[in-house]
Amino acid sequence: GYLAQPATAGVYPAILICHENRGLNDHIRDVARRFAKNGYVALAVDLLAREGGTAAHDRDAVPGLLTNAGADRHVGDFVAAADYLKTLETVDGERMGATGYCFGGGITWRLATAIPTLKAAVPFYGPAPDAAAVPNIKAAVLGVYAEQDERINAGIPDLETALKAAGTTYQINIYPGVN
């Protein structure tokens, strides 16, 4: 993974970052650095670490490798990452969130169902979690979606029904005219 921390000494909230289906790349490392500059200890997990890391593979092979590894393994890796962050002297383990993009948005939804101590989750699109797992979400959730993404958006009405029934604090933003 890639760990970025604020430059000044202190104890900070933490953020788990899940990359897109292209793996841990320069863009996601930059996202982690931007979180650190804004006062978070940020950990972007390389979900292909067990296969030697994203950089060890042809970029066109990465999406398939991530799919074949399975979402349960990815969630387990993030549970371990959250546990690791709590051991750092610079991290306030009671203040942790997660975010992810596209493929990582789907993983972020699953993290929200699997890590009850998360305070916030911000999935940038990605498939919704299983409705039966939604009552496990204790984090406040901000979902970010694009109006023209009909495949992913098809699951939003059922997701909102489950979120409301569970009493989850959430907001879904769907940006008009966006693909």
Protein backbone atom coordinates (compact mmCIF):
# COMPACT_ATOMS: atom_id res chain seq x y z
CA GLY A 1 0.00 0.00 0.00
CA TYR A 2 0.88 3.66 -0.02
CA LEU A 3 0.81 5.54 3.28
CA ALA A 4 0.72 9.34 3.37
CA GLN A 5 0.73 11.36 6.60
CA PRO A 6 0.54 15.04 7.49
CA ALA A 7 3.93 16.74 7.64
CA THR A 8 3.50 18.01 11.20
CA ALA A 9 3.56 15.78 14.26
CA GLY A 10 0.21 14.94 15.78
CA VAL A 11 -2.62 12.46 15.96
CA TYR A 12 -4.96 12.52 12.98
CA PRO A 13 -8.07 10.82 11.65
CA ALA A 14 -7.41 8.15 9.03
CA ILE A 15 -8.82 7.40 5.60
CA LEU A 16 -8.71 4.11 3.71
CA ILE A 17 -8.53 4.61 -0.05
CA CYS A 18 -9.61 2.01 -2.60
CA HIS A 19 -8.29 2.40 -6.11
CA GLU A 20 -10.15 1.91 -9.36
CA ASN A 21 -9.88 -1.31 -11.34
CA ARG A 22 -6.51 -0.11 -12.66
CA GLY A 23 -4.85 -0.78 -9.31
CA LEU A 24 -2.64 1.39 -7.15
CA ASN A 25 -1.21 3.98 -9.54
CA ASP A 26 0.27 7.47 -9.45
CA HIS A 27 -3.17 9.10 -9.42
CA ILE A 28 -4.31 7.17 -6.32
CA ARG A 29 -0.99 7.87 -4.58
CA ASP A 30 -1.62 11.56 -5.31
CA VAL A 31 -5.12 11.26 -3.82
CA ALA A 32 -3.53 9.86 -0.63
CA ARG A 33 -1.05 12.75 -0.51
CA ARG A 34 -3.87 15.27 -0.91
CA PHE A 35 -5.72 13.71 2.03
CA ALA A 36 -2.50 13.93 4.09
CA LYS A 37 -2.10 17.60 3.22
CA ASN A 38 -5.64 18.09 4.55
CA GLY A 39 -4.95 16.46 7.91
CA TYR A 40 -5.55 12.74 7.44
CA VAL A 41 -3.34 9.69 7.63
CA ALA A 42 -4.22 8.09 4.30
CA LEU A 43 -3.60 4.48 3.30
CA ALA A 44 -4.18 3.46 -0.31
CA VAL A 45 -4.12 -0.33 -0.31
CA ASP A 46 -2.71 -2.14 -3.35
CA LEU A 47 -5.23 -4.94 -3.76
CA LEU A 48 -2.76 -6.83 -5.96
CA ALA A 49 -0.02 -6.90 -3.31
CA ARG A 50 -0.35 -10.69 -3.04
CA GLU A 51 0.39 -10.92 -6.77
CA GLY A 52 3.49 -8.72 -6.48
CA GLY A 53 1.66 -5.38 -6.65
CA THR A 54 -0.04 -3.47 -9.42
CA ALA A 55 3.27 -2.34 -10.94
CA ALA A 56 4.32 -5.97 -11.52
CA HIS A 57 1.55 -6.50 -14.08
CA ASP A 58 0.63 -5.36 -17.55
CA ARG A 59 -1.89 -2.61 -17.05
CA ASP A 60 -4.47 -4.38 -19.24
CA ALA A 61 -4.30 -7.48 -17.01
CA VAL A 62 -4.99 -5.62 -13.76
CA PRO A 63 -8.83 -5.44 -13.98
CA GLY A 64 -9.11 -9.18 -14.52
CA LEU A 65 -6.70 -9.97 -11.70
CA LEU A 66 -8.73 -7.81 -9.32
CA THR A 67 -11.98 -9.46 -10.39
CA ASN A 68 -10.52 -12.94 -10.03
CA ALA A 69 -9.26 -12.21 -6.51
CA GLY A 70 -12.81 -11.53 -5.38
CA ALA A 71 -14.42 -8.79 -3.32
CA ASP A 72 -14.29 -10.78 -0.09
CA ARG A 73 -10.49 -10.91 -0.26
CA HIS A 74 -10.35 -7.17 -0.96
CA VAL A 75 -12.60 -6.40 1.99
CA GLY A 76 -10.41 -8.61 4.19
CA ASP A 77 -7.34 -6.69 3.06
CA PHE A 78 -9.00 -3.42 4.05
CA VAL A 79 -10.07 -4.81 7.42
CA ALA A 80 -6.39 -5.66 7.99
CA ALA A 81 -5.39 -2.17 6.78
CA ALA A 82 -7.80 -0.56 9.26
CA ASP A 83 -6.34 -2.69 12.05
CA TYR A 84 -2.84 -1.64 10.97
CA LEU A 85 -3.72 2.06 10.97
CA LYS A 86 -5.00 1.77 14.54
CA THR A 87 -1.49 0.69 15.62
CA LEU A 88 0.11 3.91 14.37
CA GLU A 89 0.84 6.59 16.97
CA THR A 90 -0.21 9.23 14.44
CA VAL A 91 -3.73 7.77 14.01
CA ASP A 92 -6.83 8.42 16.09
CA GLY A 93 -8.33 4.95 15.65
CA GLU A 94 -11.77 6.22 16.63
CA ARG A 95 -11.88 8.53 13.59
CA MET A 96 -11.56 6.50 10.41
CA GLY A 97 -13.30 6.67 7.05
CA ALA A 98 -13.10 5.04 3.65
CA THR A 99 -13.40 6.19 0.07
CA GLY A 100 -13.07 4.53 -3.30
CA TYR A 101 -13.58 5.16 -6.97
CA CYS A 102 -15.55 3.07 -9.50
CA PHE A 103 -14.46 -0.52 -8.67
CA GLY A 104 -13.22 1.00 -5.40
CA GLY A 105 -16.61 2.59 -4.80
CA GLY A 106 -18.17 -0.86 -4.74
CA ILE A 107 -15.49 -2.05 -2.34
CA THR A 108 -16.11 1.04 -0.18
CA TRP A 109 -19.79 0.13 0.10
CA ARG A 110 -18.75 -3.35 1.22
CA LEU A 111 -16.26 -1.90 3.71
CA ALA A 112 -19.08 0.13 5.23
CA THR A 113 -20.96 -3.12 5.86
CA ALA A 114 -17.88 -4.95 7.19
CA ILE A 115 -16.12 -2.39 9.41
CA PRO A 116 -18.59 -1.19 12.04
CA THR A 117 -16.11 1.34 13.46
CA LEU A 118 -15.94 3.40 10.26
CA LYS A 119 -17.28 6.90 10.86
CA ALA A 120 -17.70 7.84 7.20
CA ALA A 121 -17.76 6.15 3.80
CA VAL A 122 -17.67 7.96 0.45
CA PRO A 123 -18.12 5.62 -2.50
CA PHE A 124 -17.72 7.28 -5.87
CA TYR A 125 -20.18 5.08 -7.75
CA GLY A 126 -19.58 1.34 -7.86
CA PRO A 127 -22.16 -1.35 -7.22
CA ALA A 128 -24.29 -1.23 -4.10
CA PRO A 129 -23.79 -3.73 -1.30
CA ASP A 130 -26.11 -6.65 -0.73
CA ALA A 131 -29.31 -5.23 0.79
CA ALA A 132 -29.18 -7.77 3.61
CA ALA A 133 -25.82 -6.30 4.72
CA VAL A 134 -26.97 -2.66 4.72
CA PRO A 135 -28.17 -2.76 8.37
CA ASN A 136 -24.51 -3.37 9.31
CA ILE A 137 -23.56 0.12 8.07
CA LYS A 138 -22.80 2.38 11.04
CA ALA A 139 -20.85 5.02 9.07
CA ALA A 140 -22.41 8.11 7.57
CA VAL A 141 -22.37 7.59 3.80
CA LEU A 142 -22.07 10.03 0.91
CA GLY A 143 -22.62 8.24 -2.42
CA VAL A 144 -21.51 10.05 -5.56
CA TYR A 145 -23.03 9.00 -8.88
CA ALA A 146 -23.34 10.07 -12.53
CA GLU A 147 -26.81 10.48 -14.00
CA GLN A 148 -25.97 8.71 -17.27
CA ASP A 149 -24.50 5.57 -15.66
CA GLU A 150 -27.69 3.55 -16.05
CA ARG A 151 -26.15 0.18 -15.13
CA ILE A 152 -24.87 1.28 -11.70
CA ASN A 153 -27.75 3.66 -11.03
CA ALA A 154 -30.29 0.85 -11.51
CA GLY A 155 -29.43 -0.34 -7.99
CA ILE A 156 -29.86 3.01 -6.25
CA PRO A 157 -33.62 2.83 -5.54
CA ASP A 158 -33.29 -0.52 -3.74
CA LEU A 159 -30.17 0.72 -1.96
CA GLU A 160 -31.97 3.82 -0.70
CA THR A 161 -34.89 1.70 0.50
CA ALA A 162 -32.46 -0.49 2.48
CA LEU A 163 -30.56 2.54 3.85
CA LYS A 164 -33.79 4.18 5.02
CA ALA A 165 -35.06 0.96 6.60
CA ALA A 166 -31.76 0.56 8.44
CA GLY A 167 -31.79 4.15 9.70
CA THR A 168 -28.42 4.83 8.07
CA THR A 169 -27.28 8.43 7.81
CA TYR A 170 -26.68 8.88 4.10
CA GLN A 171 -26.85 11.18 1.12
CA ILE A 172 -26.79 10.12 -2.52
CA ASN A 173 -25.65 12.78 -5.01
CA ILE A 174 -26.43 12.09 -8.65
CA TYR A 175 -24.81 14.64 -10.92
CA PRO A 176 -27.02 15.53 -13.92
CA GLY A 177 -25.65 15.20 -17.43
CA VAL A 178 -22.61 13.24 -16.28
CA ASN A 179 -21.55 9.96 -17.86
